[in-house]
Amino acid sequence: MSTKRKPPTLQQKKEDVNRKAILWVGVSLSLLVLLIIVLLIVAGN
């Protein structure tokens, strides 16, 4: 029975890791876009 209970917890952990990865990718992309916009504004001036 314990072997049957372990896979769902592993799947839940993988889902949590995937959500964290998606969140990190989104945050990093948004920061990259903001950085590019700031650089363009500074270069324009």
PDB file of N, CA and C in Angstrom:
ATOM      1  N   MET A   1       0.836  -1.211   0.000  1.00  0.00           N
ATOM      2  CA  MET A   1       0.000   0.000   0.000  1.00  0.00           C
ATOM      3  C   MET A   1       0.872   1.264   0.000  1.00  0.00           C
ATOM      4  N   SER A   2       2.003   1.212   0.709  1.00  0.00           N
ATOM      5  CA  SER A   2       2.846   2.404   0.767  1.00  0.00           C
ATOM      6  C   SER A   2       3.413   2.740  -0.611  1.00  0.00           C
ATOM      7  N   THR A   3       3.689   1.708  -1.435  1.00  0.00           N
ATOM      8  CA  THR A   3       4.210   1.991  -2.777  1.00  0.00           C
ATOM      9  C   THR A   3       3.141   2.671  -3.630  1.00  0.00           C
ATOM     10  N   LYS A   4       1.879   2.365  -3.401  1.00  0.00           N
ATOM     11  CA  LYS A   4       0.809   3.011  -4.161  1.00  0.00           C
ATOM     12  C   LYS A   4       0.597   4.450  -3.683  1.00  0.00           C
ATOM     13  N   ARG A   5       0.908   4.733  -2.433  1.00  0.00           N
ATOM     14  CA  ARG A   5       0.700   6.086  -1.912  1.00  0.00           C
ATOM     15  C   ARG A   5       1.830   7.031  -2.314  1.00  0.00           C
ATOM     16  N   LYS A   6       3.019   6.506  -2.594  1.00  0.00           N
ATOM     17  CA  LYS A   6       4.157   7.377  -2.900  1.00  0.00           C
ATOM     18  C   LYS A   6       4.040   8.093  -4.249  1.00  0.00           C
ATOM     19  N   PRO A   7       3.636   7.438  -5.341  1.00  0.00           N
ATOM     20  CA  PRO A   7       3.578   8.154  -6.625  1.00  0.00           C
ATOM     21  C   PRO A   7       2.725   9.420  -6.633  1.00  0.00           C
ATOM     22  N   PRO A   8       1.519   9.443  -6.019  1.00  0.00           N
ATOM     23  CA  PRO A   8       0.760  10.706  -6.020  1.00  0.00           C
ATOM     24  C   PRO A   8       1.511  11.853  -5.363  1.00  0.00           C
ATOM     25  N   THR A   9       2.223  11.597  -4.266  1.00  0.00           N
ATOM     26  CA  THR A   9       2.975  12.672  -3.615  1.00  0.00           C
ATOM     27  C   THR A   9       4.083  13.144  -4.542  1.00  0.00           C
ATOM     28  N   LEU A  10       4.725  12.229  -5.277  1.00  0.00           N
ATOM     29  CA  LEU A  10       5.759  12.628  -6.221  1.00  0.00           C
ATOM     30  C   LEU A  10       5.153  13.472  -7.338  1.00  0.00           C
ATOM     31  N   GLN A  11       3.972  13.090  -7.819  1.00  0.00           N
ATOM     32  CA  GLN A  11       3.307  13.870  -8.862  1.00  0.00           C
ATOM     33  C   GLN A  11       2.962  15.257  -8.341  1.00  0.00           C
ATOM     34  N   GLN A  12       2.494  15.351  -7.114  1.00  0.00           N
ATOM     35  CA  GLN A  12       2.162  16.655  -6.540  1.00  0.00           C
ATOM     36  C   GLN A  12       3.427  17.506  -6.434  1.00  0.00           C
ATOM     37  N   LYS A  13       4.540  16.899  -6.012  1.00  0.00           N
ATOM     38  CA  LYS A  13       5.790  17.654  -5.918  1.00  0.00           C
ATOM     39  C   LYS A  13       6.223  18.138  -7.287  1.00  0.00           C
ATOM     40  N   LYS A  14       6.095  17.271  -8.313  1.00  0.00           N
ATOM     41  CA  LYS A  14       6.467  17.675  -9.669  1.00  0.00           C
ATOM     42  C   LYS A  14       5.593  18.825 -10.130  1.00  0.00           C
ATOM     43  N   GLU A  15       4.295  18.783  -9.823  1.00  0.00           N
ATOM     44  CA  GLU A  15       3.404  19.873 -10.208  1.00  0.00           C
ATOM     45  C   GLU A  15       3.806  21.168  -9.511  1.00  0.00           C
ATOM     46  N   ASP A  16       4.165  21.071  -8.228  1.00  0.00           N
ATOM     47  CA  ASP A  16       4.610  22.260  -7.501  1.00  0.00           C
ATOM     48  C   ASP A  16       5.881  22.808  -8.134  1.00  0.00           C
ATOM     49  N   VAL A  17       6.807  21.931  -8.489  1.00  0.00           N
ATOM     50  CA  VAL A  17       8.056  22.368  -9.117  1.00  0.00           C
ATOM     51  C   VAL A  17       7.757  23.019 -10.456  1.00  0.00           C
ATOM     52  N   ASN A  18       6.837  22.429 -11.238  1.00  0.00           N
ATOM     53  CA  ASN A  18       6.483  23.007 -12.535  1.00  0.00           C
ATOM     54  C   ASN A  18       5.863  24.392 -12.347  1.00  0.00           C
ATOM     55  N   ARG A  19       4.986  24.536 -11.348  1.00  0.00           N
ATOM     56  CA  ARG A  19       4.373  25.847 -11.094  1.00  0.00           C
ATOM     57  C   ARG A  19       5.437  26.864 -10.705  1.00  0.00           C
ATOM     58  N   LYS A  20       6.375  26.458  -9.857  1.00  0.00           N
ATOM     59  CA  LYS A  20       7.447  27.375  -9.460  1.00  0.00           C
ATOM     60  C   LYS A  20       8.305  27.743 -10.658  1.00  0.00           C
ATOM     61  N   ALA A  21       8.587  26.760 -11.515  1.00  0.00           N
ATOM     62  CA  ALA A  21       9.404  27.024 -12.699  1.00  0.00           C
ATOM     63  C   ALA A  21       8.697  28.005 -13.624  1.00  0.00           C
ATOM     64  N   ILE A  22       7.396  27.802 -13.835  1.00  0.00           N
ATOM     65  CA  ILE A  22       6.624  28.714 -14.689  1.00  0.00           C
ATOM     66  C   ILE A  22       6.626  30.113 -14.089  1.00  0.00           C
ATOM     67  N   LEU A  23       6.460  30.184 -12.767  1.00  0.00           N
ATOM     68  CA  LEU A  23       6.447  31.482 -12.096  1.00  0.00           C
ATOM     69  C   LEU A  23       7.794  32.179 -12.276  1.00  0.00           C
ATOM     70  N   TRP A  24       8.895  31.442 -12.076  1.00  0.00           N
ATOM     71  CA  TRP A  24      10.236  32.022 -12.215  1.00  0.00           C
ATOM     72  C   TRP A  24      10.484  32.490 -13.637  1.00  0.00           C
ATOM     73  N   VAL A  25      10.039  31.678 -14.614  1.00  0.00           N
ATOM     74  CA  VAL A  25      10.227  32.062 -16.018  1.00  0.00           C
ATOM     75  C   VAL A  25       9.448  33.337 -16.313  1.00  0.00           C
ATOM     76  N   GLY A  26       8.212  33.415 -15.827  1.00  0.00           N
ATOM     77  CA  GLY A  26       7.403  34.611 -16.052  1.00  0.00           C
ATOM     78  C   GLY A  26       8.029  35.844 -15.418  1.00  0.00           C
ATOM     79  N   VAL A  27       8.498  35.710 -14.196  1.00  0.00           N
ATOM     80  CA  VAL A  27       9.114  36.846 -13.498  1.00  0.00           C
ATOM     81  C   VAL A  27      10.387  37.284 -14.219  1.00  0.00           C
ATOM     82  N   SER A  28      11.211  36.319 -14.612  1.00  0.00           N
ATOM     83  CA  SER A  28      12.472  36.655 -15.277  1.00  0.00           C
ATOM     84  C   SER A  28      12.217  37.321 -16.627  1.00  0.00           C
ATOM     85  N   LEU A  29      11.207  36.825 -17.366  1.00  0.00           N
ATOM     86  CA  LEU A  29      10.897  37.437 -18.659  1.00  0.00           C
ATOM     87  C   LEU A  29      10.384  38.862 -18.483  1.00  0.00           C
ATOM     88  N   SER A  30       9.531  39.071 -17.483  1.00  0.00           N
ATOM     89  CA  SER A  30       9.003  40.418 -17.253  1.00  0.00           C
ATOM     90  C   SER A  30      10.130  41.370 -16.837  1.00  0.00           C
ATOM     91  N   LEU A  31      11.055  40.891 -16.006  1.00  0.00           N
ATOM     92  CA  LEU A  31      12.195  41.724 -15.614  1.00  0.00           C
ATOM     93  C   LEU A  31      13.075  42.042 -16.817  1.00  0.00           C
ATOM     94  N   LEU A  32      13.253  41.053 -17.694  1.00  0.00           N
ATOM     95  CA  LEU A  32      14.045  41.275 -18.906  1.00  0.00           C
ATOM     96  C   LEU A  32      13.407  42.351 -19.776  1.00  0.00           C
ATOM     97  N   VAL A  33      12.089  42.274 -19.950  1.00  0.00           N
ATOM     98  CA  VAL A  33      11.368  43.265 -20.764  1.00  0.00           C
ATOM     99  C   VAL A  33      11.506  44.649 -20.130  1.00  0.00           C
ATOM    100  N   LEU A  34      11.351  44.737 -18.815  1.00  0.00           N
ATOM    101  CA  LEU A  34      11.491  46.027 -18.129  1.00  0.00           C
ATOM    102  C   LEU A  34      12.905  46.570 -18.307  1.00  0.00           C
ATOM    103  N   LEU A  35      13.904  45.713 -18.196  1.00  0.00           N
ATOM    104  CA  LEU A  35      15.287  46.143 -18.354  1.00  0.00           C
ATOM    105  C   LEU A  35      15.529  46.673 -19.761  1.00  0.00           C
ATOM    106  N   ILE A  36      15.003  45.993 -20.765  1.00  0.00           N
ATOM    107  CA  ILE A  36      15.171  46.444 -22.156  1.00  0.00           C
ATOM    108  C   ILE A  36      14.487  47.790 -22.361  1.00  0.00           C
ATOM    109  N   ILE A  37      13.277  47.951 -21.804  1.00  0.00           N
ATOM    110  CA  ILE A  37      12.556  49.231 -21.942  1.00  0.00           C
ATOM    111  C   ILE A  37      13.351  50.355 -21.293  1.00  0.00           C
ATOM    112  N   VAL A  38      13.886  50.109 -20.094  1.00  0.00           N
ATOM    113  CA  VAL A  38      14.685  51.137 -19.391  1.00  0.00           C
ATOM    114  C   VAL A  38      15.921  51.480 -20.207  1.00  0.00           C
ATOM    115  N   LEU A  39      16.578  50.467 -20.749  1.00  0.00           N
ATOM    116  CA  LEU A  39      17.782  50.733 -21.569  1.00  0.00           C
ATOM    117  C   LEU A  39      17.421  51.544 -22.812  1.00  0.00           C
ATOM    118  N   LEU A  40      16.292  51.224 -23.443  1.00  0.00           N
ATOM    119  CA  LEU A  40      15.873  51.984 -24.628  1.00  0.00           C
ATOM    120  C   LEU A  40      15.579  53.440 -24.255  1.00  0.00           C
ATOM    121  N   ILE A  41      14.945  53.650 -23.111  1.00  0.00           N
ATOM    122  CA  ILE A  41      14.632  55.024 -22.675  1.00  0.00           C
ATOM    123  C   ILE A  41      15.922  55.788 -22.407  1.00  0.00           C
ATOM    124  N   VAL A  42      16.867  55.122 -21.716  1.00  0.00           N
ATOM    125  CA  VAL A  42      18.140  55.783 -21.411  1.00  0.00           C
ATOM    126  C   VAL A  42      18.921  56.053 -22.697  1.00  0.00           C
ATOM    127  N   ALA A  43      18.911  55.103 -23.618  1.00  0.00           N
ATOM    128  CA  ALA A  43      19.634  55.289 -24.886  1.00  0.00           C
ATOM    129  C   ALA A  43      18.968  56.371 -25.735  1.00  0.00           C
ATOM    130  N   GLY A  44      17.641  56.478 -25.647  1.00  0.00           N
ATOM    131  CA  GLY A  44      16.920  57.509 -26.400  1.00  0.00           C
ATOM    132  C   GLY A  44      17.258  58.903 -25.919  1.00  0.00           C
ATOM    133  N   ASN A  45      17.510  59.046 -24.621  1.00  0.00           N
ATOM    134  CA  ASN A  45      17.857  60.358 -24.075  1.00  0.00           C
ATOM    135  C   ASN A  45      19.329  60.616 -24.307  1.00  0.00           C
TER     136      ASN A  45
END
